[in-house]
Amino acid sequence: SDALFMAPPVWTKLSKVTQDSKYLDFMDKQYHKTYNMLWDKEEKLFFRDKSYFNVREKNGEKIFWARGNGWVFGGLALMIPDFPNDW
């Protein structure tokens, strides 16, 4: 989930500064690829990384990383101001 916080805002900023949409397009493709892999539709949370897909607590519950989920949403707050108005 760190990858959804750290890299995407850099790509959106680069796209804004250079006025080149190829950086935004790249970010979008990679963001969705990572999002789709880590998002648990049932629990509506992100796994920390793929090594946690089959790890369970003693009670059988899935393990999620609260800080990592917060970082994903924090990354959105950093990206949104740099999106083009028509994007």
N, C-alpha and C. Protein backbone atom coordinates (compact mmCIF):
# COMPACT_ATOMS: atom_id res chain seq x y z
N SER A 1 0.82 -1.20 0.00
CA SER A 1 0.00 0.00 0.00
C SER A 1 0.86 1.27 0.00
N ASP A 2 2.11 1.13 0.42
CA ASP A 2 3.01 2.30 0.37
C ASP A 2 3.12 2.85 -1.05
N ALA A 3 3.11 1.95 -2.02
CA ALA A 3 3.28 2.36 -3.42
C ALA A 3 2.15 3.27 -3.88
N LEU A 4 0.97 3.14 -3.29
CA LEU A 4 -0.15 4.00 -3.67
C LEU A 4 -0.07 5.37 -2.99
N PHE A 5 0.81 5.50 -2.03
CA PHE A 5 1.02 6.79 -1.36
C PHE A 5 2.21 7.55 -1.94
N MET A 6 3.29 6.85 -2.16
CA MET A 6 4.54 7.54 -2.49
C MET A 6 4.68 7.94 -3.96
N ALA A 7 4.45 7.04 -4.87
CA ALA A 7 4.75 7.31 -6.28
C ALA A 7 3.70 8.13 -7.02
N PRO A 8 2.41 7.84 -6.90
CA PRO A 8 1.43 8.55 -7.73
C PRO A 8 1.45 10.08 -7.62
N PRO A 9 1.61 10.66 -6.43
CA PRO A 9 1.66 12.12 -6.38
C PRO A 9 2.85 12.71 -7.16
N VAL A 10 3.94 11.97 -7.22
CA VAL A 10 5.10 12.45 -7.98
C VAL A 10 4.77 12.48 -9.48
N TRP A 11 4.12 11.43 -9.97
CA TRP A 11 3.76 11.37 -11.39
C TRP A 11 2.73 12.45 -11.75
N THR A 12 1.77 12.69 -10.86
CA THR A 12 0.78 13.72 -11.17
C THR A 12 1.42 15.12 -11.16
N LYS A 13 2.33 15.34 -10.23
CA LYS A 13 3.03 16.63 -10.18
C LYS A 13 3.89 16.81 -11.43
N LEU A 14 4.58 15.74 -11.85
CA LEU A 14 5.41 15.80 -13.04
C LEU A 14 4.57 16.11 -14.28
N SER A 15 3.41 15.51 -14.35
CA SER A 15 2.51 15.77 -15.47
C SER A 15 2.06 17.23 -15.48
N LYS A 16 1.75 17.74 -14.29
CA LYS A 16 1.30 19.13 -14.19
C LYS A 16 2.42 20.11 -14.57
N VAL A 17 3.60 19.87 -14.05
CA VAL A 17 4.73 20.77 -14.30
C VAL A 17 5.16 20.76 -15.77
N THR A 18 5.18 19.57 -16.37
CA THR A 18 5.63 19.46 -17.76
C THR A 18 4.51 19.67 -18.77
N GLN A 19 3.27 19.66 -18.28
CA GLN A 19 2.10 19.74 -19.16
C GLN A 19 2.06 18.57 -20.14
N ASP A 20 2.59 17.42 -19.70
CA ASP A 20 2.63 16.23 -20.54
C ASP A 20 1.78 15.13 -19.90
N SER A 21 0.71 14.75 -20.56
CA SER A 21 -0.23 13.78 -20.00
C SER A 21 0.31 12.36 -19.95
N LYS A 22 1.44 12.09 -20.59
CA LYS A 22 1.97 10.73 -20.56
C LYS A 22 2.31 10.29 -19.13
N TYR A 23 2.71 11.23 -18.28
CA TYR A 23 3.02 10.90 -16.90
C TYR A 23 1.76 10.57 -16.11
N LEU A 24 0.71 11.30 -16.37
CA LEU A 24 -0.57 11.05 -15.73
C LEU A 24 -1.15 9.72 -16.20
N ASP A 25 -1.03 9.45 -17.47
CA ASP A 25 -1.51 8.17 -18.02
C ASP A 25 -0.76 6.99 -17.43
N PHE A 26 0.56 7.14 -17.29
CA PHE A 26 1.38 6.09 -16.69
C PHE A 26 0.96 5.86 -15.24
N MET A 27 0.82 6.96 -14.49
CA MET A 27 0.41 6.86 -13.10
C MET A 27 -0.93 6.16 -12.97
N ASP A 28 -1.87 6.53 -13.81
CA ASP A 28 -3.21 5.95 -13.75
C ASP A 28 -3.18 4.44 -13.99
N LYS A 29 -2.43 4.03 -14.97
CA LYS A 29 -2.32 2.60 -15.29
C LYS A 29 -1.69 1.83 -14.12
N GLN A 30 -0.59 2.34 -13.60
CA GLN A 30 0.10 1.66 -12.50
C GLN A 30 -0.71 1.72 -11.20
N TYR A 31 -1.38 2.84 -10.97
CA TYR A 31 -2.20 2.98 -9.76
C TYR A 31 -3.29 1.91 -9.75
N HIS A 32 -4.01 1.79 -10.86
CA HIS A 32 -5.09 0.82 -10.92
C HIS A 32 -4.59 -0.62 -10.85
N LYS A 33 -3.44 -0.87 -11.41
CA LYS A 33 -2.85 -2.20 -11.34
C LYS A 33 -2.58 -2.59 -9.88
N THR A 34 -1.99 -1.67 -9.13
CA THR A 34 -1.68 -1.92 -7.73
C THR A 34 -2.95 -1.94 -6.88
N TYR A 35 -3.84 -0.99 -7.13
CA TYR A 35 -5.11 -0.91 -6.41
C TYR A 35 -5.87 -2.23 -6.55
N ASN A 36 -6.00 -2.69 -7.78
CA ASN A 36 -6.77 -3.92 -8.03
C ASN A 36 -6.15 -5.14 -7.37
N MET A 37 -4.84 -5.15 -7.24
CA MET A 37 -4.17 -6.27 -6.61
C MET A 37 -4.36 -6.26 -5.09
N LEU A 38 -4.28 -5.10 -4.47
CA LEU A 38 -4.27 -5.01 -3.01
C LEU A 38 -5.63 -4.79 -2.37
N TRP A 39 -6.61 -4.34 -3.13
CA TRP A 39 -7.92 -4.02 -2.56
C TRP A 39 -8.71 -5.29 -2.27
N ASP A 40 -9.21 -5.41 -1.06
CA ASP A 40 -10.06 -6.53 -0.68
C ASP A 40 -11.51 -6.05 -0.77
N LYS A 41 -12.24 -6.55 -1.76
CA LYS A 41 -13.61 -6.09 -1.99
C LYS A 41 -14.54 -6.42 -0.84
N GLU A 42 -14.28 -7.54 -0.21
CA GLU A 42 -15.13 -7.98 0.89
C GLU A 42 -14.97 -7.07 2.12
N GLU A 43 -13.74 -6.79 2.49
CA GLU A 43 -13.46 -6.00 3.70
C GLU A 43 -13.38 -4.50 3.42
N LYS A 44 -13.26 -4.15 2.13
CA LYS A 44 -13.13 -2.74 1.72
C LYS A 44 -11.91 -2.07 2.36
N LEU A 45 -10.80 -2.81 2.32
CA LEU A 45 -9.52 -2.33 2.84
C LEU A 45 -8.41 -2.81 1.91
N PHE A 46 -7.25 -2.17 2.01
CA PHE A 46 -6.09 -2.58 1.24
C PHE A 46 -5.21 -3.50 2.08
N PHE A 47 -4.72 -4.56 1.45
CA PHE A 47 -3.70 -5.37 2.09
C PHE A 47 -2.40 -4.58 2.09
N ARG A 48 -1.53 -4.86 3.03
CA ARG A 48 -0.23 -4.19 3.08
C ARG A 48 0.56 -4.48 1.82
N ASP A 49 0.64 -5.74 1.47
CA ASP A 49 1.29 -6.19 0.23
C ASP A 49 0.82 -7.62 -0.02
N LYS A 50 1.25 -8.20 -1.12
CA LYS A 50 0.73 -9.51 -1.51
C LYS A 50 1.11 -10.62 -0.55
N SER A 51 2.13 -10.40 0.27
CA SER A 51 2.50 -11.44 1.24
C SER A 51 1.45 -11.62 2.33
N TYR A 52 0.48 -10.71 2.42
CA TYR A 52 -0.57 -10.79 3.44
C TYR A 52 -1.87 -11.39 2.92
N PHE A 53 -1.94 -11.74 1.66
CA PHE A 53 -3.19 -12.25 1.10
C PHE A 53 -3.72 -13.48 1.85
N ASN A 54 -2.86 -14.36 2.25
CA ASN A 54 -3.29 -15.61 2.89
C ASN A 54 -2.90 -15.71 4.36
N VAL A 55 -2.42 -14.62 4.94
CA VAL A 55 -2.06 -14.61 6.36
C VAL A 55 -3.31 -14.27 7.17
N ARG A 56 -3.48 -14.97 8.28
CA ARG A 56 -4.66 -14.75 9.12
C ARG A 56 -4.26 -14.59 10.58
N GLU A 57 -5.09 -13.86 11.31
CA GLU A 57 -4.96 -13.77 12.76
C GLU A 57 -5.30 -15.14 13.36
N LYS A 58 -5.05 -15.32 14.63
CA LYS A 58 -5.38 -16.59 15.30
C LYS A 58 -6.88 -16.90 15.21
N ASN A 59 -7.70 -15.84 15.12
CA ASN A 59 -9.15 -16.03 15.05
C ASN A 59 -9.64 -16.24 13.61
N GLY A 60 -8.70 -16.29 12.65
CA GLY A 60 -9.07 -16.52 11.26
C GLY A 60 -9.32 -15.27 10.44
N GLU A 61 -9.28 -14.10 11.08
CA GLU A 61 -9.54 -12.85 10.37
C GLU A 61 -8.34 -12.45 9.51
N LYS A 62 -8.63 -11.78 8.41
CA LYS A 62 -7.57 -11.26 7.54
C LYS A 62 -6.80 -10.16 8.27
N ILE A 63 -5.56 -9.96 7.85
CA ILE A 63 -4.72 -8.94 8.46
C ILE A 63 -4.56 -7.76 7.51
N PHE A 64 -4.90 -6.57 8.00
CA PHE A 64 -4.74 -5.34 7.24
C PHE A 64 -3.86 -4.38 8.03
N TRP A 65 -3.25 -3.47 7.35
CA TRP A 65 -2.34 -2.51 7.95
C TRP A 65 -3.03 -1.16 7.97
N ALA A 66 -3.50 -0.73 9.12
CA ALA A 66 -4.28 0.50 9.23
C ALA A 66 -3.50 1.71 8.72
N ARG A 67 -2.24 1.81 9.08
CA ARG A 67 -1.44 2.95 8.65
C ARG A 67 -1.31 2.97 7.13
N GLY A 68 -1.12 1.80 6.53
CA GLY A 68 -1.02 1.72 5.08
C GLY A 68 -2.29 2.15 4.39
N ASN A 69 -3.44 1.78 4.94
CA ASN A 69 -4.72 2.21 4.37
C ASN A 69 -4.86 3.72 4.48
N GLY A 70 -4.40 4.29 5.57
CA GLY A 70 -4.42 5.74 5.71
C GLY A 70 -3.51 6.42 4.70
N TRP A 71 -2.38 5.81 4.43
CA TRP A 71 -1.45 6.37 3.45
C TRP A 71 -2.05 6.38 2.05
N VAL A 72 -2.80 5.33 1.72
CA VAL A 72 -3.44 5.30 0.40
C VAL A 72 -4.35 6.51 0.24
N PHE A 73 -5.17 6.77 1.24
CA PHE A 73 -6.09 7.90 1.16
C PHE A 73 -5.34 9.24 1.26
N GLY A 74 -4.26 9.27 2.02
CA GLY A 74 -3.43 10.47 2.08
C GLY A 74 -2.80 10.78 0.72
N GLY A 75 -2.43 9.74 0.00
CA GLY A 75 -1.88 9.92 -1.34
C GLY A 75 -2.88 10.57 -2.28
N LEU A 76 -4.14 10.21 -2.14
CA LEU A 76 -5.18 10.84 -2.96
C LEU A 76 -5.26 12.34 -2.70
N ALA A 77 -5.13 12.71 -1.42
CA ALA A 77 -5.19 14.13 -1.07
C ALA A 77 -4.03 14.90 -1.69
N LEU A 78 -2.89 14.23 -1.87
CA LEU A 78 -1.75 14.88 -2.51
C LEU A 78 -1.89 14.96 -4.02
N MET A 79 -2.59 14.00 -4.61
CA MET A 79 -2.73 13.93 -6.07
C MET A 79 -3.83 14.83 -6.61
N ILE A 80 -4.95 14.86 -5.96
CA ILE A 80 -6.13 15.54 -6.50
C ILE A 80 -5.88 16.99 -6.90
N PRO A 81 -5.14 17.78 -6.14
CA PRO A 81 -4.92 19.17 -6.57
C PRO A 81 -4.14 19.29 -7.90
N ASP A 82 -3.41 18.26 -8.26
CA ASP A 82 -2.60 18.31 -9.48
C ASP A 82 -3.29 17.68 -10.69
N PHE A 83 -4.46 17.12 -10.51
CA PHE A 83 -5.19 16.56 -11.65
C PHE A 83 -5.68 17.71 -12.55
N PRO A 84 -5.65 17.50 -13.85
CA PRO A 84 -6.25 18.49 -14.74
C PRO A 84 -7.76 18.60 -14.44
N ASN A 85 -8.33 19.76 -14.66
CA ASN A 85 -9.75 19.96 -14.35
C ASN A 85 -10.66 19.03 -15.14
N ASP A 86 -10.24 18.62 -16.33
CA ASP A 86 -11.09 17.75 -17.15
C ASP A 86 -10.74 16.27 -17.03
N TRP A 87 -9.94 15.93 -16.04
CA TRP A 87 -9.48 14.53 -15.92
C TRP A 87 -10.39 13.73 -15.04
